N, C-alpha and C. Protein backbone atom coordinates (compact mmCIF):
# COMPACT_ATOMS: atom_id res chain seq x y z
N MET A 1 -8.08 3.79 -8.55
CA MET A 1 -8.32 2.86 -7.56
C MET A 1 -8.28 2.65 -6.03
N GLN A 2 -8.69 2.01 -5.48
CA GLN A 2 -8.88 2.28 -3.90
C GLN A 2 -7.58 1.89 -3.34
N ILE A 3 -7.05 2.62 -2.13
CA ILE A 3 -6.17 1.83 -1.53
C ILE A 3 -6.47 1.99 -0.20
N LEU A 4 -6.28 0.50 0.24
CA LEU A 4 -6.74 0.12 1.77
C LEU A 4 -5.60 0.24 2.87
N TYR A 5 -5.68 0.88 4.07
CA TYR A 5 -4.81 0.50 4.79
C TYR A 5 -5.57 0.18 6.16
N PHE A 6 -4.41 -1.29 6.79
CA PHE A 6 -5.14 -1.59 7.81
C PHE A 6 -3.74 -1.04 9.15
N SER A 7 -4.36 -1.76 10.22
CA SER A 7 -3.86 -1.86 11.40
C SER A 7 -2.80 -0.30 11.75
N TRP A 8 -1.64 -0.22 11.98
CA TRP A 8 -1.23 1.16 12.12
C TRP A 8 -0.46 1.62 11.22
N LEU A 9 -0.84 0.82 10.17
CA LEU A 9 -0.52 2.03 8.96
C LEU A 9 -1.90 2.85 8.29
N ARG A 10 -2.63 2.10 8.85
CA ARG A 10 -4.30 2.76 9.04
C ARG A 10 -3.75 4.19 10.07
N GLU A 11 -3.49 4.10 11.30
CA GLU A 11 -3.39 4.98 12.12
C GLU A 11 -2.42 6.06 11.87
N ALA A 12 -0.83 5.59 11.07
CA ALA A 12 0.15 6.30 10.40
C ALA A 12 -0.57 7.23 9.32
N ILE A 13 -1.18 7.08 8.55
CA ILE A 13 -1.85 7.71 7.20
C ILE A 13 -2.82 8.21 7.87
N GLY A 14 -3.69 8.10 8.50
CA GLY A 14 -4.96 8.74 9.36
C GLY A 14 -6.09 8.33 8.37
N THR A 15 -6.08 7.46 7.94
CA THR A 15 -7.39 6.82 6.66
C THR A 15 -7.18 5.31 6.01
N SER A 16 -8.79 4.43 6.49
CA SER A 16 -8.51 3.58 6.18
C SER A 16 -8.45 3.51 4.46
N LEU A 17 -8.90 4.05 4.09
CA LEU A 17 -9.32 4.05 2.60
C LEU A 17 -9.05 5.36 1.84
N GLU A 18 -8.88 5.32 0.87
CA GLU A 18 -8.43 6.27 -0.39
C GLU A 18 -8.95 5.97 -1.74
N ASP A 19 -9.70 7.05 -2.80
CA ASP A 19 -10.02 6.67 -3.97
C ASP A 19 -8.84 7.39 -4.52
N TYR A 20 -7.80 6.78 -5.45
CA TYR A 20 -6.62 7.40 -5.99
C TYR A 20 -6.61 7.16 -7.49
N GLN A 21 -6.00 7.81 -8.15
CA GLN A 21 -4.94 7.85 -9.34
C GLN A 21 -3.83 8.02 -9.66
N THR A 22 -3.17 7.03 -10.43
CA THR A 22 -1.90 7.47 -10.90
C THR A 22 -1.66 6.71 -11.61
N ASP A 23 -0.27 7.31 -12.57
CA ASP A 23 0.19 6.72 -13.84
C ASP A 23 1.01 5.63 -13.28
N GLN A 24 1.55 5.56 -12.35
CA GLN A 24 2.73 4.07 -11.66
C GLN A 24 1.81 2.90 -12.24
N LYS A 25 3.26 1.97 -12.33
CA LYS A 25 2.64 0.83 -13.25
C LYS A 25 3.11 -0.17 -12.35
N THR A 26 3.74 0.29 -11.33
CA THR A 26 3.90 -0.99 -10.22
C THR A 26 3.84 -0.59 -8.65
N VAL A 27 3.39 -1.59 -7.39
CA VAL A 27 3.26 -1.60 -6.70
C VAL A 27 4.22 -0.59 -6.06
N ILE A 28 5.83 -0.71 -6.34
CA ILE A 28 6.56 0.13 -5.33
C ILE A 28 6.81 1.53 -6.52
N GLY A 29 6.20 1.62 -7.74
CA GLY A 29 5.95 2.89 -8.23
C GLY A 29 4.90 3.68 -7.24
N LEU A 30 3.99 2.94 -6.88
CA LEU A 30 2.88 3.47 -5.83
C LEU A 30 3.19 4.06 -4.95
N ILE A 31 3.78 3.01 -3.77
CA ILE A 31 4.60 3.18 -2.93
C ILE A 31 5.46 4.76 -2.73
N ASN A 32 6.18 4.88 -3.72
CA ASN A 32 7.14 5.57 -3.65
C ASN A 32 6.61 7.12 -4.38
N GLU A 33 5.23 7.02 -5.17
CA GLU A 33 4.69 7.92 -5.19
C GLU A 33 4.00 8.67 -3.47
N LEU A 34 3.23 7.85 -3.11
CA LEU A 34 2.65 8.28 -2.08
C LEU A 34 3.67 8.64 -0.74
N VAL A 35 4.85 7.89 -0.79
CA VAL A 35 5.82 8.49 -0.19
C VAL A 35 6.53 10.15 -0.02
N ALA A 36 6.66 10.34 -1.77
CA ALA A 36 6.82 11.72 -1.90
C ALA A 36 5.58 12.90 -2.18
N ARG A 37 4.45 12.47 -1.42
CA ARG A 37 3.63 12.86 -1.39
C ARG A 37 3.23 13.81 -0.15
N GLU A 38 3.56 12.90 1.29
CA GLU A 38 3.15 13.83 2.76
C GLU A 38 4.37 13.07 3.31
N PRO A 39 4.93 13.40 4.47
CA PRO A 39 5.44 12.71 5.46
C PRO A 39 5.08 11.75 6.17
N ARG A 40 3.59 11.70 6.15
CA ARG A 40 2.63 10.63 7.18
C ARG A 40 2.93 9.37 6.20
N TYR A 41 2.94 9.52 5.10
CA TYR A 41 3.27 8.20 3.77
C TYR A 41 4.57 7.58 4.10
N ALA A 42 5.45 8.73 4.12
CA ALA A 42 6.92 8.52 4.16
C ALA A 42 7.10 7.56 5.66
N LYS A 43 6.91 8.31 6.58
CA LYS A 43 6.64 7.31 8.35
C LYS A 43 6.19 6.00 8.04
N ALA A 44 4.61 5.65 7.35
CA ALA A 44 4.32 4.81 7.87
C ALA A 44 5.08 3.25 6.50
N PHE A 45 5.57 3.94 5.25
CA PHE A 45 6.03 2.63 4.49
C PHE A 45 7.73 2.95 4.70
N GLU A 46 8.16 3.19 5.78
CA GLU A 46 9.60 3.61 5.73
C GLU A 46 10.63 2.00 6.08
N ASP A 47 9.58 0.89 6.64
CA ASP A 47 10.23 -0.18 6.72
C ASP A 47 9.26 -1.15 5.72
N LEU A 48 9.57 -1.26 3.99
CA LEU A 48 8.92 -2.02 3.48
C LEU A 48 9.42 -3.60 3.62
N SER A 49 10.00 -3.67 4.84
CA SER A 49 10.29 -5.73 4.79
C SER A 49 9.01 -5.55 5.86
N ILE A 50 8.32 -4.99 6.42
CA ILE A 50 7.81 -5.83 7.33
C ILE A 50 6.30 -5.01 6.65
N ILE A 51 5.77 -4.92 5.96
CA ILE A 51 4.50 -4.54 5.17
C ILE A 51 3.91 -5.58 4.01
N LYS A 52 3.08 -5.77 4.07
CA LYS A 52 2.25 -6.78 3.01
C LYS A 52 1.55 -6.50 2.32
N VAL A 53 1.13 -6.55 0.92
CA VAL A 53 0.45 -5.73 0.06
C VAL A 53 -0.28 -7.06 -0.78
N ALA A 54 -1.53 -6.55 -0.71
CA ALA A 54 -2.49 -7.08 -1.90
C ALA A 54 -2.90 -6.53 -3.04
N VAL A 55 -2.90 -7.07 -4.14
CA VAL A 55 -3.57 -6.22 -5.10
C VAL A 55 -4.57 -7.10 -5.82
N ASP A 56 -5.74 -6.05 -5.80
CA ASP A 56 -7.08 -7.13 -5.96
C ASP A 56 -6.98 -8.17 -5.45
N LYS A 57 -7.04 -8.09 -3.98
CA LYS A 57 -7.25 -9.63 -3.02
C LYS A 57 -6.34 -10.28 -3.29
N GLU A 58 -5.24 -10.17 -3.62
CA GLU A 58 -4.45 -11.26 -4.08
C GLU A 58 -2.93 -11.06 -3.32
N LEU A 59 -2.96 -11.22 -2.30
CA LEU A 59 -1.37 -11.60 -1.44
C LEU A 59 -0.19 -11.55 -2.44
N ILE A 60 0.48 -10.37 -2.97
CA ILE A 60 2.14 -10.35 -3.69
C ILE A 60 3.15 -10.48 -3.32
N SER A 61 4.20 -10.83 -3.40
CA SER A 61 5.59 -10.93 -3.04
C SER A 61 6.54 -9.83 -3.19
N ASP A 62 5.71 -9.46 -4.56
CA ASP A 62 7.00 -8.71 -4.99
C ASP A 62 6.76 -7.34 -5.66
N LEU A 63 7.22 -6.32 -5.49
CA LEU A 63 6.95 -5.01 -5.35
C LEU A 63 6.65 -4.39 -6.77
N GLU A 64 7.39 -5.29 -7.56
CA GLU A 64 7.36 -4.63 -8.73
C GLU A 64 5.66 -5.25 -9.69
N THR A 65 5.30 -5.84 -8.86
CA THR A 65 3.77 -6.38 -9.35
C THR A 65 3.10 -5.18 -9.99
N SER A 66 2.62 -5.81 -11.26
CA SER A 66 1.63 -4.47 -11.71
C SER A 66 0.67 -3.89 -11.24
N ILE A 67 0.45 -2.88 -11.44
CA ILE A 67 -0.76 -2.49 -10.82
C ILE A 67 -1.96 -1.55 -11.94
N LEU A 68 -1.31 -1.69 -13.27
CA LEU A 68 -2.26 -1.60 -14.10
C LEU A 68 -3.61 -2.48 -14.41
N ASP A 69 -4.48 -1.37 -14.18
CA ASP A 69 -5.84 -2.27 -14.06
C ASP A 69 -6.19 -2.67 -12.76
N ALA A 70 -5.38 -2.52 -11.97
CA ALA A 70 -5.89 -2.58 -10.13
C ALA A 70 -7.32 -1.81 -9.98
N LYS A 71 -7.72 -2.39 -8.99
CA LYS A 71 -8.98 -1.61 -8.67
C LYS A 71 -8.79 -1.27 -7.06
N GLU A 72 -8.02 -2.12 -6.32
CA GLU A 72 -7.61 -2.04 -5.16
C GLU A 72 -5.98 -2.67 -4.79
N VAL A 73 -5.57 -2.09 -4.16
CA VAL A 73 -4.47 -2.23 -3.35
C VAL A 73 -4.23 -2.23 -1.82
N ALA A 74 -4.00 -3.22 -1.09
CA ALA A 74 -3.79 -3.24 0.29
C ALA A 74 -2.95 -2.76 0.83
N PHE A 75 -2.36 -2.31 1.79
CA PHE A 75 -1.37 -2.63 2.77
C PHE A 75 -1.58 -2.73 4.20
N PHE A 76 -0.79 -3.64 4.66
CA PHE A 76 -1.05 -4.36 6.10
C PHE A 76 -0.09 -4.87 6.41
N PRO A 77 0.43 -4.82 7.83
CA PRO A 77 1.21 -5.68 8.50
C PRO A 77 1.05 -7.11 8.54
N PRO A 78 2.13 -7.67 9.00
CA PRO A 78 1.91 -9.03 9.01
C PRO A 78 1.00 -9.84 9.75
N MET A 79 0.51 -10.67 9.57
CA MET A 79 -0.98 -11.08 10.36
C MET A 79 -0.35 -12.36 11.30
N THR A 80 -0.68 -12.65 12.34
CA THR A 80 -0.47 -14.06 12.87
C THR A 80 -1.73 -14.21 13.10
N GLY A 81 -1.54 -16.07 13.38
CA GLY A 81 -2.30 -16.99 13.57
C GLY A 81 -2.99 -16.91 14.75
N GLY A 82 -4.29 -17.77 14.95
CA GLY A 82 -4.36 -17.63 16.38
C GLY A 82 -5.60 -19.29 16.60
């Protein structure tokens, strides 16, 4: 799958996208795996209440959402209207 990072998440992690393989089944499982990987991920994901997630371009609200067969997971800060 591809993982996309936007805004300050991209800056904290140091990349806007990465190809990633995981055996995790949920978004929270993926996040926990990334956090355990390197300190830069732990810093980026330290406050999950302010991070928005989309799985295959669909915004999700439950971090227990399945990522089985997902092609893309995107992480971004809350968006403001204009």
